[in-house]
Amino acid sequence: MNKKQVEIIGDSHISLNTETPLRKDAFDTSDEEKIKNIQKHFASIMEELGLDLSDDSLSGTPYRFAKMYVKELFYGLNPKNKPTLSTFENKYGYKKMLIEQDITIDSSCEHHFLPIIGTAHIAYIPKDKVIGLSKINRLVDYYAHRPQVQERLSIQILKDLQNTLETEDVIVMITAKHLCVSSRGIKDKNSATTTIEYGGCFNDATIRNEFLNTINN
């Protein structure tokens, strides 16, 4: 693939997978080994840029960068870090919409590894199960902390909640700013991207609009 093709694909946000593309041996290496290897490679990048790694301010940067990538920014790549999603019997018989809104999105685009920052609004209509509210936030945070495409992030959250709650009646809306748009390329500081994924009763425009109106108000 030539340079022009790479740029066209990256800027078009093309993604063929709803699952994060991972190699089969992605977790054969320990976190400590990954940090050590990334530290070495990032030191080479810094040196290639002409930076003096003997400077006190820069000397620890390769390690800090590597640890941040493995332990913080991309901890969501490893399934062992997935939060336990506690569900409970719907003893109240609650059958109306339950909305968790303004959930922080702190992710990174997989095309330029620049931040995606925004909010998620999620609703579901319980059947036999309900979920602890904080677990929805933790699930969003888990899927966000990996190299992402916003469309895929929306789908991954939706499918996981549908499976966990054993209902298709879930909707996920994400609005976010992409620094790959605001800090490079077109450098548009004001635009944001919104994605909406849903299933079950949310295919009904009346119910979907009830959700949207609640969010907007």
N, C-alpha and C. Protein backbone atom coordinates (compact mmCIF):
# COMPACT_ATOMS: atom_id res chain seq x y z
N MET A 1 0.84 -1.18 0.00
CA MET A 1 0.00 0.00 0.00
C MET A 1 0.88 1.25 0.00
N ASN A 2 0.65 2.16 -0.95
CA ASN A 2 1.51 3.34 -1.03
C ASN A 2 1.06 4.42 -0.05
N LYS A 3 1.88 5.48 0.05
CA LYS A 3 1.63 6.54 1.02
C LYS A 3 0.28 7.21 0.81
N LYS A 4 -0.08 7.47 -0.45
CA LYS A 4 -1.36 8.13 -0.74
C LYS A 4 -2.54 7.26 -0.29
N GLN A 5 -2.47 5.95 -0.56
CA GLN A 5 -3.54 5.04 -0.14
C GLN A 5 -3.68 5.01 1.37
N VAL A 6 -2.56 5.01 2.08
CA VAL A 6 -2.58 5.00 3.54
C VAL A 6 -3.29 6.24 4.07
N GLU A 7 -2.98 7.40 3.51
CA GLU A 7 -3.59 8.64 3.99
C GLU A 7 -5.07 8.68 3.69
N ILE A 8 -5.48 8.20 2.52
CA ILE A 8 -6.90 8.20 2.16
C ILE A 8 -7.69 7.29 3.10
N ILE A 9 -7.18 6.09 3.35
CA ILE A 9 -7.86 5.15 4.23
C ILE A 9 -7.94 5.70 5.65
N GLY A 10 -6.84 6.24 6.16
CA GLY A 10 -6.81 6.77 7.52
C GLY A 10 -7.79 7.90 7.72
N ASP A 11 -7.84 8.84 6.79
CA ASP A 11 -8.72 9.99 6.94
C ASP A 11 -10.17 9.65 6.69
N SER A 12 -10.45 8.53 6.04
CA SER A 12 -11.83 8.14 5.78
C SER A 12 -12.44 7.30 6.92
N HIS A 13 -11.63 7.01 7.95
CA HIS A 13 -12.10 6.24 9.10
C HIS A 13 -12.72 4.91 8.68
N ILE A 14 -12.07 4.23 7.74
CA ILE A 14 -12.58 2.94 7.27
C ILE A 14 -12.23 1.85 8.29
N SER A 15 -13.22 1.07 8.66
CA SER A 15 -12.99 -0.07 9.55
C SER A 15 -13.85 -1.23 9.09
N LEU A 16 -13.23 -2.38 8.91
CA LEU A 16 -13.96 -3.55 8.45
C LEU A 16 -14.33 -4.49 9.60
N ASN A 17 -13.86 -4.20 10.81
CA ASN A 17 -14.08 -5.11 11.93
C ASN A 17 -14.88 -4.43 13.04
N THR A 18 -15.81 -5.18 13.64
CA THR A 18 -16.46 -4.68 14.85
C THR A 18 -15.67 -5.10 16.08
N GLU A 19 -14.74 -6.04 15.90
CA GLU A 19 -13.83 -6.40 16.97
C GLU A 19 -12.50 -5.69 16.74
N THR A 20 -11.85 -5.32 17.83
CA THR A 20 -10.54 -4.68 17.71
C THR A 20 -9.56 -5.65 17.07
N PRO A 21 -8.89 -5.24 15.98
CA PRO A 21 -7.97 -6.16 15.31
C PRO A 21 -6.72 -6.44 16.15
N LEU A 22 -6.60 -7.66 16.62
CA LEU A 22 -5.48 -8.07 17.46
C LEU A 22 -4.80 -9.30 16.87
N ARG A 23 -3.49 -9.37 17.01
CA ARG A 23 -2.77 -10.57 16.61
C ARG A 23 -3.07 -11.70 17.58
N LYS A 24 -2.93 -12.93 17.13
CA LYS A 24 -3.20 -14.09 17.97
C LYS A 24 -2.24 -14.17 19.16
N ASP A 25 -1.04 -13.62 18.98
CA ASP A 25 -0.05 -13.68 20.07
C ASP A 25 0.00 -12.38 20.86
N ALA A 26 -1.09 -11.61 20.83
CA ALA A 26 -1.10 -10.27 21.43
C ALA A 26 -0.74 -10.26 22.91
N PHE A 27 -1.04 -11.35 23.62
CA PHE A 27 -0.82 -11.36 25.06
C PHE A 27 0.16 -12.44 25.50
N ASP A 28 0.98 -12.88 24.55
CA ASP A 28 2.04 -13.83 24.89
C ASP A 28 3.15 -13.13 25.67
N THR A 29 3.27 -11.82 25.48
CA THR A 29 4.29 -11.02 26.15
C THR A 29 3.68 -10.35 27.37
N SER A 30 4.40 -10.34 28.48
CA SER A 30 3.90 -9.72 29.71
C SER A 30 3.88 -8.20 29.57
N ASP A 31 3.11 -7.55 30.42
CA ASP A 31 3.08 -6.08 30.41
C ASP A 31 4.47 -5.50 30.64
N GLU A 32 5.23 -6.11 31.53
CA GLU A 32 6.58 -5.61 31.84
C GLU A 32 7.48 -5.69 30.61
N GLU A 33 7.36 -6.80 29.87
CA GLU A 33 8.17 -6.94 28.65
C GLU A 33 7.75 -5.94 27.59
N LYS A 34 6.44 -5.71 27.48
CA LYS A 34 5.95 -4.73 26.51
C LYS A 34 6.46 -3.33 26.85
N ILE A 35 6.42 -2.99 28.14
CA ILE A 35 6.92 -1.68 28.55
C ILE A 35 8.39 -1.53 28.20
N LYS A 36 9.16 -2.57 28.46
CA LYS A 36 10.60 -2.53 28.15
C LYS A 36 10.84 -2.34 26.65
N ASN A 37 10.09 -3.07 25.83
CA ASN A 37 10.27 -2.98 24.38
C ASN A 37 9.82 -1.64 23.82
N ILE A 38 8.66 -1.16 24.28
CA ILE A 38 8.15 0.13 23.80
C ILE A 38 9.08 1.26 24.25
N GLN A 39 9.60 1.14 25.45
CA GLN A 39 10.56 2.15 25.94
C GLN A 39 11.74 2.28 25.00
N LYS A 40 12.26 1.16 24.57
CA LYS A 40 13.42 1.17 23.67
C LYS A 40 13.05 1.80 22.33
N HIS A 41 11.91 1.41 21.78
CA HIS A 41 11.50 1.92 20.47
C HIS A 41 11.17 3.41 20.53
N PHE A 42 10.53 3.84 21.61
CA PHE A 42 10.18 5.26 21.68
C PHE A 42 11.41 6.12 21.91
N ALA A 43 12.40 5.60 22.62
CA ALA A 43 13.66 6.32 22.75
C ALA A 43 14.28 6.55 21.38
N SER A 44 14.18 5.54 20.51
CA SER A 44 14.71 5.68 19.14
C SER A 44 13.94 6.74 18.36
N ILE A 45 12.63 6.81 18.56
CA ILE A 45 11.83 7.84 17.87
C ILE A 45 12.25 9.22 18.35
N MET A 46 12.41 9.38 19.65
CA MET A 46 12.81 10.68 20.19
C MET A 46 14.19 11.10 19.66
N GLU A 47 15.09 10.13 19.61
CA GLU A 47 16.44 10.42 19.10
C GLU A 47 16.37 10.80 17.62
N GLU A 48 15.51 10.12 16.86
CA GLU A 48 15.35 10.41 15.44
C GLU A 48 14.82 11.83 15.24
N LEU A 49 14.03 12.30 16.18
CA LEU A 49 13.52 13.68 16.12
C LEU A 49 14.59 14.71 16.51
N GLY A 50 15.71 14.21 17.00
CA GLY A 50 16.80 15.12 17.35
C GLY A 50 16.84 15.51 18.81
N LEU A 51 16.04 14.85 19.65
CA LEU A 51 16.00 15.20 21.06
C LEU A 51 17.17 14.57 21.82
N ASP A 52 17.65 15.28 22.84
CA ASP A 52 18.78 14.84 23.64
C ASP A 52 18.28 14.11 24.88
N LEU A 53 18.37 12.79 24.86
CA LEU A 53 17.83 11.99 25.96
C LEU A 53 18.70 12.03 27.21
N SER A 54 19.84 12.69 27.14
CA SER A 54 20.64 12.85 28.35
C SER A 54 20.14 14.03 29.19
N ASP A 55 19.24 14.82 28.63
CA ASP A 55 18.67 15.95 29.37
C ASP A 55 17.79 15.42 30.51
N ASP A 56 17.87 16.07 31.67
CA ASP A 56 17.13 15.60 32.85
C ASP A 56 15.63 15.51 32.58
N SER A 57 15.10 16.45 31.82
CA SER A 57 13.67 16.49 31.58
C SER A 57 13.21 15.38 30.65
N LEU A 58 14.08 14.90 29.77
CA LEU A 58 13.72 13.93 28.75
C LEU A 58 14.14 12.50 29.07
N SER A 59 15.08 12.34 29.99
CA SER A 59 15.71 11.03 30.18
C SER A 59 14.71 9.94 30.59
N GLY A 60 13.68 10.33 31.35
CA GLY A 60 12.72 9.32 31.80
C GLY A 60 11.48 9.21 30.91
N THR A 61 11.44 10.02 29.85
CA THR A 61 10.24 10.05 29.01
C THR A 61 9.94 8.72 28.31
N PRO A 62 10.94 8.03 27.73
CA PRO A 62 10.63 6.75 27.07
C PRO A 62 9.94 5.75 28.00
N TYR A 63 10.38 5.67 29.25
CA TYR A 63 9.74 4.74 30.20
C TYR A 63 8.34 5.21 30.55
N ARG A 64 8.19 6.52 30.82
CA ARG A 64 6.87 7.04 31.17
C ARG A 64 5.88 6.82 30.04
N PHE A 65 6.35 7.04 28.81
CA PHE A 65 5.51 6.85 27.63
C PHE A 65 5.07 5.38 27.52
N ALA A 66 6.02 4.48 27.65
CA ALA A 66 5.73 3.05 27.51
C ALA A 66 4.76 2.57 28.58
N LYS A 67 4.98 2.98 29.81
CA LYS A 67 4.10 2.57 30.91
C LYS A 67 2.70 3.13 30.69
N MET A 68 2.61 4.37 30.23
CA MET A 68 1.30 4.99 29.97
C MET A 68 0.55 4.22 28.90
N TYR A 69 1.23 3.82 27.84
CA TYR A 69 0.58 3.09 26.76
C TYR A 69 0.03 1.75 27.24
N VAL A 70 0.84 1.00 27.96
CA VAL A 70 0.45 -0.35 28.35
C VAL A 70 -0.53 -0.36 29.51
N LYS A 71 -0.28 0.46 30.52
CA LYS A 71 -1.05 0.40 31.77
C LYS A 71 -2.25 1.35 31.81
N GLU A 72 -2.22 2.41 30.98
CA GLU A 72 -3.27 3.42 31.09
C GLU A 72 -4.05 3.59 29.79
N LEU A 73 -3.45 4.17 28.78
CA LEU A 73 -4.19 4.53 27.57
C LEU A 73 -4.80 3.32 26.87
N PHE A 74 -4.10 2.18 26.88
CA PHE A 74 -4.57 1.03 26.11
C PHE A 74 -4.77 -0.21 26.98
N TYR A 75 -5.10 0.01 28.25
CA TYR A 75 -5.35 -1.14 29.13
C TYR A 75 -6.55 -1.95 28.66
N GLY A 76 -7.44 -1.34 27.89
CA GLY A 76 -8.63 -2.02 27.42
C GLY A 76 -8.39 -3.06 26.34
N LEU A 77 -7.16 -3.15 25.85
CA LEU A 77 -6.85 -4.19 24.86
C LEU A 77 -6.85 -5.58 25.46
N ASN A 78 -6.49 -5.66 26.73
CA ASN A 78 -6.31 -6.96 27.37
C ASN A 78 -7.61 -7.42 28.03
N PRO A 79 -8.17 -8.56 27.61
CA PRO A 79 -9.44 -9.05 28.19
C PRO A 79 -9.38 -9.25 29.70
N LYS A 80 -8.20 -9.47 30.24
CA LYS A 80 -8.11 -9.69 31.69
C LYS A 80 -8.47 -8.42 32.46
N ASN A 81 -8.44 -7.28 31.79
CA ASN A 81 -8.78 -6.01 32.44
C ASN A 81 -10.26 -5.65 32.33
N LYS A 82 -11.03 -6.50 31.66
CA LYS A 82 -12.44 -6.18 31.50
C LYS A 82 -13.15 -6.20 32.85
N PRO A 83 -13.96 -5.16 33.14
CA PRO A 83 -14.64 -5.13 34.43
C PRO A 83 -15.70 -6.22 34.53
N THR A 84 -15.91 -6.70 35.74
CA THR A 84 -16.99 -7.65 36.00
C THR A 84 -18.32 -6.90 35.98
N LEU A 85 -19.23 -7.35 35.15
CA LEU A 85 -20.50 -6.65 35.00
C LEU A 85 -21.57 -7.32 35.86
N SER A 86 -21.72 -6.83 37.06
CA SER A 86 -22.69 -7.41 37.99
C SER A 86 -24.11 -7.07 37.55
N THR A 87 -24.95 -8.09 37.45
CA THR A 87 -26.35 -7.86 37.14
C THR A 87 -27.20 -8.41 38.30
N PHE A 88 -28.42 -7.89 38.39
CA PHE A 88 -29.31 -8.26 39.48
C PHE A 88 -30.69 -8.56 38.92
N GLU A 89 -31.41 -9.38 39.64
CA GLU A 89 -32.78 -9.67 39.24
C GLU A 89 -33.61 -8.39 39.29
N ASN A 90 -34.42 -8.19 38.28
CA ASN A 90 -35.27 -7.00 38.20
C ASN A 90 -36.48 -7.18 39.12
N LYS A 91 -36.21 -7.12 40.44
CA LYS A 91 -37.24 -7.40 41.43
C LYS A 91 -38.34 -6.35 41.46
N TYR A 92 -38.00 -5.12 41.02
CA TYR A 92 -39.00 -4.05 41.03
C TYR A 92 -39.98 -4.16 39.86
N GLY A 93 -39.62 -5.00 38.90
CA GLY A 93 -40.45 -5.09 37.71
C GLY A 93 -40.41 -3.82 36.89
N TYR A 94 -39.27 -3.10 36.98
CA TYR A 94 -39.13 -1.83 36.25
C TYR A 94 -39.02 -2.11 34.75
N LYS A 95 -39.91 -1.52 33.97
CA LYS A 95 -39.95 -1.81 32.54
C LYS A 95 -39.81 -0.55 31.68
N LYS A 96 -39.51 0.58 32.31
CA LYS A 96 -39.34 1.83 31.56
C LYS A 96 -37.86 2.03 31.22
N MET A 97 -37.61 3.09 30.46
CA MET A 97 -36.25 3.37 30.02
C MET A 97 -35.37 3.80 31.20
N LEU A 98 -34.17 3.25 31.24
CA LEU A 98 -33.17 3.65 32.23
C LEU A 98 -31.99 4.25 31.46
N ILE A 99 -31.65 5.49 31.79
CA ILE A 99 -30.62 6.22 31.03
C ILE A 99 -29.45 6.57 31.94
N GLU A 100 -28.25 6.28 31.48
CA GLU A 100 -27.01 6.74 32.10
C GLU A 100 -26.35 7.68 31.09
N GLN A 101 -26.29 8.98 31.43
CA GLN A 101 -25.81 9.95 30.45
C GLN A 101 -24.57 10.70 30.91
N ASP A 102 -23.94 11.36 29.95
CA ASP A 102 -22.73 12.15 30.19
C ASP A 102 -21.59 11.30 30.76
N ILE A 103 -21.45 10.10 30.24
CA ILE A 103 -20.33 9.23 30.61
C ILE A 103 -19.09 9.69 29.84
N THR A 104 -18.00 9.88 30.52
CA THR A 104 -16.79 10.39 29.89
C THR A 104 -16.20 9.40 28.89
N ILE A 105 -15.91 9.91 27.70
CA ILE A 105 -15.18 9.14 26.69
C ILE A 105 -13.76 9.70 26.63
N ASP A 106 -12.79 8.85 26.90
CA ASP A 106 -11.37 9.23 26.84
C ASP A 106 -10.66 8.13 26.07
N SER A 107 -10.57 8.31 24.76
CA SER A 107 -10.07 7.24 23.91
C SER A 107 -8.96 7.78 22.99
N SER A 108 -8.55 6.95 22.05
CA SER A 108 -7.50 7.32 21.09
C SER A 108 -7.86 6.76 19.72
N CYS A 109 -7.71 7.58 18.69
CA CYS A 109 -8.02 7.11 17.34
C CYS A 109 -6.90 6.18 16.87
N GLU A 110 -7.28 5.12 16.18
CA GLU A 110 -6.30 4.13 15.77
C GLU A 110 -5.52 4.54 14.52
N HIS A 111 -5.90 5.66 13.90
CA HIS A 111 -5.21 6.10 12.69
C HIS A 111 -4.02 7.00 12.98
N HIS A 112 -4.13 7.81 14.05
CA HIS A 112 -3.03 8.72 14.38
C HIS A 112 -2.62 8.64 15.85
N PHE A 113 -3.33 7.79 16.64
CA PHE A 113 -3.05 7.65 18.07
C PHE A 113 -3.15 9.00 18.78
N LEU A 114 -4.14 9.79 18.37
CA LEU A 114 -4.44 11.06 19.03
C LEU A 114 -5.75 10.91 19.79
N PRO A 115 -5.98 11.76 20.80
CA PRO A 115 -7.14 11.59 21.67
C PRO A 115 -8.50 11.77 20.97
N ILE A 116 -9.46 10.98 21.46
CA ILE A 116 -10.88 11.16 21.17
C ILE A 116 -11.52 11.47 22.52
N ILE A 117 -12.15 12.65 22.62
CA ILE A 117 -12.67 13.10 23.91
C ILE A 117 -14.14 13.48 23.75
N GLY A 118 -15.00 12.94 24.62
CA GLY A 118 -16.41 13.28 24.51
C GLY A 118 -17.24 12.62 25.58
N THR A 119 -18.51 12.35 25.25
CA THR A 119 -19.42 11.76 26.20
C THR A 119 -20.27 10.68 25.53
N ALA A 120 -20.70 9.73 26.35
CA ALA A 120 -21.61 8.69 25.89
C ALA A 120 -22.91 8.77 26.69
N HIS A 121 -24.01 8.50 26.01
CA HIS A 121 -25.32 8.41 26.65
C HIS A 121 -25.87 7.02 26.32
N ILE A 122 -26.25 6.28 27.34
CA ILE A 122 -26.67 4.89 27.15
C ILE A 122 -28.00 4.65 27.86
N ALA A 123 -28.89 3.95 27.19
CA ALA A 123 -30.16 3.60 27.81
C ALA A 123 -30.50 2.15 27.49
N TYR A 124 -31.27 1.54 28.38
CA TYR A 124 -31.82 0.22 28.12
C TYR A 124 -33.16 0.10 28.82
N ILE A 125 -33.95 -0.84 28.36
CA ILE A 125 -35.23 -1.14 28.98
C ILE A 125 -35.12 -2.53 29.58
N PRO A 126 -35.15 -2.63 30.90
CA PRO A 126 -34.90 -3.91 31.56
C PRO A 126 -35.96 -4.96 31.24
N LYS A 127 -35.51 -6.20 31.23
CA LYS A 127 -36.42 -7.35 31.21
C LYS A 127 -36.25 -8.07 32.54
N ASP A 128 -35.49 -9.15 32.56
CA ASP A 128 -35.31 -9.89 33.81
C ASP A 128 -34.12 -9.37 34.63
N LYS A 129 -33.21 -8.62 33.97
CA LYS A 129 -31.99 -8.20 34.64
C LYS A 129 -31.82 -6.69 34.62
N VAL A 130 -31.16 -6.18 35.68
CA VAL A 130 -30.68 -4.80 35.69
C VAL A 130 -29.19 -4.86 36.03
N ILE A 131 -28.50 -3.76 35.71
CA ILE A 131 -27.05 -3.73 35.93
C ILE A 131 -26.70 -2.57 36.85
N GLY A 132 -25.69 -2.76 37.69
CA GLY A 132 -25.21 -1.67 38.53
C GLY A 132 -24.79 -0.49 37.67
N LEU A 133 -25.23 0.72 38.03
CA LEU A 133 -25.01 1.87 37.16
C LEU A 133 -23.53 2.13 36.89
N SER A 134 -22.69 1.99 37.91
CA SER A 134 -21.26 2.26 37.70
C SER A 134 -20.63 1.28 36.73
N LYS A 135 -21.25 0.09 36.59
CA LYS A 135 -20.70 -0.91 35.67
C LYS A 135 -20.81 -0.45 34.22
N ILE A 136 -21.84 0.34 33.90
CA ILE A 136 -21.95 0.87 32.54
C ILE A 136 -20.78 1.81 32.27
N ASN A 137 -20.48 2.68 33.24
CA ASN A 137 -19.35 3.60 33.09
C ASN A 137 -18.03 2.85 32.93
N ARG A 138 -17.87 1.80 33.72
CA ARG A 138 -16.63 1.03 33.65
C ARG A 138 -16.50 0.31 32.31
N LEU A 139 -17.62 -0.17 31.78
CA LEU A 139 -17.58 -0.85 30.49
C LEU A 139 -17.20 0.12 29.37
N VAL A 140 -17.77 1.32 29.41
CA VAL A 140 -17.42 2.34 28.42
C VAL A 140 -15.93 2.67 28.51
N ASP A 141 -15.44 2.84 29.73
CA ASP A 141 -14.03 3.18 29.92
C ASP A 141 -13.12 2.08 29.40
N TYR A 142 -13.51 0.83 29.62
CA TYR A 142 -12.71 -0.31 29.16
C TYR A 142 -12.59 -0.33 27.64
N TYR A 143 -13.72 -0.22 26.93
CA TYR A 143 -13.65 -0.26 25.47
C TYR A 143 -13.03 1.00 24.88
N ALA A 144 -13.14 2.11 25.60
CA ALA A 144 -12.55 3.35 25.11
C ALA A 144 -11.02 3.32 25.18
N HIS A 145 -10.49 2.58 26.16
CA HIS A 145 -9.05 2.60 26.36
C HIS A 145 -8.35 1.53 25.53
N ARG A 146 -8.47 1.73 24.24
CA ARG A 146 -7.76 0.95 23.22
C ARG A 146 -7.76 1.81 21.96
N PRO A 147 -6.87 1.57 21.01
CA PRO A 147 -6.96 2.31 19.74
C PRO A 147 -8.33 2.06 19.13
N GLN A 148 -9.06 3.14 18.80
CA GLN A 148 -10.46 2.97 18.46
C GLN A 148 -10.87 3.72 17.19
N VAL A 149 -12.00 3.31 16.67
CA VAL A 149 -12.80 4.05 15.70
C VAL A 149 -14.13 4.26 16.40
N GLN A 150 -14.68 5.46 16.35
CA GLN A 150 -15.88 5.76 17.15
C GLN A 150 -17.04 4.83 16.81
N GLU A 151 -17.19 4.49 15.54
CA GLU A 151 -18.27 3.58 15.16
C GLU A 151 -18.12 2.23 15.85
N ARG A 152 -16.90 1.72 15.85
CA ARG A 152 -16.64 0.42 16.49
C ARG A 152 -16.87 0.50 17.99
N LEU A 153 -16.43 1.58 18.61
CA LEU A 153 -16.61 1.75 20.04
C LEU A 153 -18.09 1.68 20.40
N SER A 154 -18.93 2.35 19.62
CA SER A 154 -20.37 2.34 19.88
C SER A 154 -20.93 0.92 19.78
N ILE A 155 -20.51 0.18 18.76
CA ILE A 155 -21.01 -1.18 18.54
C ILE A 155 -20.54 -2.12 19.64
N GLN A 156 -19.28 -2.00 20.05
CA GLN A 156 -18.75 -2.89 21.09
C GLN A 156 -19.49 -2.71 22.41
N ILE A 157 -19.75 -1.46 22.78
CA ILE A 157 -20.49 -1.20 24.01
C ILE A 157 -21.91 -1.76 23.91
N LEU A 158 -22.55 -1.50 22.78
CA LEU A 158 -23.93 -1.96 22.57
C LEU A 158 -24.02 -3.48 22.68
N LYS A 159 -23.18 -4.20 21.94
CA LYS A 159 -23.25 -5.66 21.92
C LYS A 159 -22.98 -6.26 23.29
N ASP A 160 -22.02 -5.69 24.01
CA ASP A 160 -21.68 -6.23 25.32
C ASP A 160 -22.86 -6.06 26.29
N LEU A 161 -23.48 -4.88 26.27
CA LEU A 161 -24.62 -4.65 27.16
C LEU A 161 -25.82 -5.52 26.78
N GLN A 162 -26.04 -5.69 25.48
CA GLN A 162 -27.13 -6.57 25.05
C GLN A 162 -26.92 -7.99 25.53
N ASN A 163 -25.70 -8.48 25.43
CA ASN A 163 -25.39 -9.84 25.89
C ASN A 163 -25.52 -9.96 27.41
N THR A 164 -25.01 -8.95 28.11
CA THR A 164 -25.02 -8.98 29.57
C THR A 164 -26.44 -8.90 30.13
N LEU A 165 -27.24 -8.03 29.54
CA LEU A 165 -28.60 -7.79 30.03
C LEU A 165 -29.63 -8.74 29.43
N GLU A 166 -29.17 -9.51 28.44
CA GLU A 166 -30.04 -10.46 27.74
C GLU A 166 -31.29 -9.77 27.16
N THR A 167 -31.04 -8.65 26.51
CA THR A 167 -32.09 -7.91 25.82
C THR A 167 -31.47 -7.11 24.68
N GLU A 168 -32.22 -6.98 23.60
CA GLU A 168 -31.77 -6.16 22.47
C GLU A 168 -32.10 -4.68 22.69
N ASP A 169 -32.87 -4.38 23.74
CA ASP A 169 -33.39 -3.02 23.94
C ASP A 169 -32.36 -2.10 24.58
N VAL A 170 -31.32 -1.80 23.82
CA VAL A 170 -30.22 -0.96 24.28
C VAL A 170 -29.91 0.06 23.20
N ILE A 171 -29.54 1.28 23.63
CA ILE A 171 -29.11 2.31 22.69
C ILE A 171 -27.86 2.99 23.23
N VAL A 172 -26.92 3.27 22.35
CA VAL A 172 -25.65 3.91 22.71
C VAL A 172 -25.44 5.10 21.78
N MET A 173 -25.25 6.27 22.39
CA MET A 173 -24.97 7.48 21.62
C MET A 173 -23.67 8.09 22.13
N ILE A 174 -22.75 8.37 21.21
CA ILE A 174 -21.47 8.97 21.57
C ILE A 174 -21.27 10.24 20.74
N THR A 175 -20.91 11.32 21.42
CA THR A 175 -20.51 12.56 20.75
C THR A 175 -19.11 12.91 21.22
N ALA A 176 -18.19 13.08 20.27
CA ALA A 176 -16.79 13.27 20.66
C ALA A 176 -16.04 14.15 19.68
N LYS A 177 -15.02 14.78 20.20
CA LYS A 177 -14.08 15.54 19.38
C LYS A 177 -12.86 14.67 19.13
N HIS A 178 -12.36 14.73 17.90
CA HIS A 178 -11.20 13.94 17.49
C HIS A 178 -10.02 14.89 17.25
N LEU A 179 -8.96 14.71 18.03
CA LEU A 179 -7.82 15.60 17.85
C LEU A 179 -7.10 15.39 16.53
N CYS A 180 -7.35 14.24 15.88
CA CYS A 180 -6.78 14.05 14.55
C CYS A 180 -7.46 14.98 13.53
N VAL A 181 -8.62 15.52 13.90
CA VAL A 181 -9.31 16.52 13.07
C VAL A 181 -8.95 17.92 13.52
N SER A 182 -8.87 18.13 14.84
CA SER A 182 -8.68 19.49 15.36
C SER A 182 -7.22 19.94 15.43
N SER A 183 -6.28 18.99 15.52
CA SER A 183 -4.88 19.40 15.71
C SER A 183 -4.00 19.10 14.50
N ARG A 184 -4.54 18.46 13.47
CA ARG A 184 -3.79 18.18 12.25
C ARG A 184 -4.78 18.18 11.08
N GLY A 185 -4.28 18.00 9.88
CA GLY A 185 -5.16 17.97 8.72
C GLY A 185 -5.94 19.25 8.57
N ILE A 186 -7.26 19.18 8.62
CA ILE A 186 -8.12 20.35 8.45
C ILE A 186 -8.02 21.32 9.62
N LYS A 187 -7.63 20.82 10.80
CA LYS A 187 -7.48 21.62 12.01
C LYS A 187 -8.76 22.37 12.37
N ASP A 188 -9.87 21.66 12.31
CA ASP A 188 -11.17 22.22 12.68
C ASP A 188 -11.37 22.05 14.18
N LYS A 189 -11.39 23.15 14.90
CA LYS A 189 -11.45 23.11 16.37
C LYS A 189 -12.85 22.90 16.92
N ASN A 190 -13.88 23.10 16.09
CA ASN A 190 -15.23 23.15 16.62
C ASN A 190 -16.09 21.92 16.33
N SER A 191 -15.75 21.16 15.30
CA SER A 191 -16.63 20.05 14.90
C SER A 191 -16.55 18.89 15.88
N ALA A 192 -17.63 18.12 15.94
CA ALA A 192 -17.70 16.92 16.77
C ALA A 192 -18.39 15.83 15.95
N THR A 193 -18.16 14.59 16.35
CA THR A 193 -18.73 13.44 15.66
C THR A 193 -19.72 12.73 16.58
N THR A 194 -20.89 12.40 16.05
CA THR A 194 -21.91 11.69 16.82
C THR A 194 -22.24 10.36 16.15
N THR A 195 -22.24 9.30 16.94
CA THR A 195 -22.64 7.97 16.45
C THR A 195 -23.76 7.45 17.34
N ILE A 196 -24.70 6.74 16.74
CA ILE A 196 -25.82 6.15 17.48
C ILE A 196 -25.99 4.71 17.02
N GLU A 197 -25.94 3.78 17.96
CA GLU A 197 -26.20 2.38 17.68
C GLU A 197 -27.30 1.90 18.61
N TYR A 198 -28.20 1.06 18.09
CA TYR A 198 -29.32 0.62 18.92
C TYR A 198 -29.92 -0.66 18.37
N GLY A 199 -30.76 -1.26 19.18
CA GLY A 199 -31.45 -2.48 18.76
C GLY A 199 -32.78 -2.61 19.47
N GLY A 200 -33.48 -3.68 19.18
CA GLY A 200 -34.74 -3.97 19.85
C GLY A 200 -35.77 -2.87 19.67
N CYS A 201 -36.41 -2.47 20.78
CA CYS A 201 -37.49 -1.49 20.73
C CYS A 201 -37.01 -0.11 20.29
N PHE A 202 -35.69 0.13 20.35
CA PHE A 202 -35.18 1.44 19.93
C PHE A 202 -35.18 1.60 18.42
N ASN A 203 -35.52 0.54 17.69
CA ASN A 203 -35.76 0.68 16.26
C ASN A 203 -37.05 1.45 16.00
N ASP A 204 -37.91 1.54 17.01
CA ASP A 204 -39.13 2.34 16.93
C ASP A 204 -38.76 3.80 17.13
N ALA A 205 -39.06 4.64 16.14
CA ALA A 205 -38.67 6.05 16.19
C ALA A 205 -39.26 6.77 17.40
N THR A 206 -40.45 6.39 17.83
CA THR A 206 -41.08 7.05 18.98
C THR A 206 -40.27 6.82 20.25
N ILE A 207 -39.85 5.58 20.47
CA ILE A 207 -39.06 5.26 21.66
C ILE A 207 -37.67 5.88 21.55
N ARG A 208 -37.10 5.81 20.36
CA ARG A 208 -35.77 6.41 20.15
C ARG A 208 -35.81 7.91 20.40
N ASN A 209 -36.86 8.56 19.93
CA ASN A 209 -36.97 10.01 20.13
C ASN A 209 -37.18 10.38 21.60
N GLU A 210 -37.84 9.48 22.35
CA GLU A 210 -37.98 9.70 23.79
C GLU A 210 -36.59 9.78 24.45
N PHE A 211 -35.74 8.85 24.03
CA PHE A 211 -34.35 8.87 24.53
C PHE A 211 -33.64 10.15 24.12
N LEU A 212 -33.70 10.50 22.85
CA LEU A 212 -33.00 11.68 22.34
C LEU A 212 -33.52 12.96 22.98
N ASN A 213 -34.82 13.06 23.18
CA ASN A 213 -35.39 14.24 23.81
C ASN A 213 -34.95 14.38 25.25
N THR A 214 -34.84 13.24 25.95
CA THR A 214 -34.38 13.27 27.34
C THR A 214 -32.93 13.74 27.41
N ILE A 215 -32.10 13.23 26.52
CA ILE A 215 -30.69 13.64 26.47
C ILE A 215 -30.58 15.12 26.16
N ASN A 216 -31.33 15.59 25.20
CA ASN A 216 -31.25 16.99 24.78
C ASN A 216 -31.77 17.95 25.83
N ASN A 217 -32.66 17.45 26.69
CA ASN A 217 -33.20 18.32 27.75
C ASN A 217 -32.37 18.31 29.02
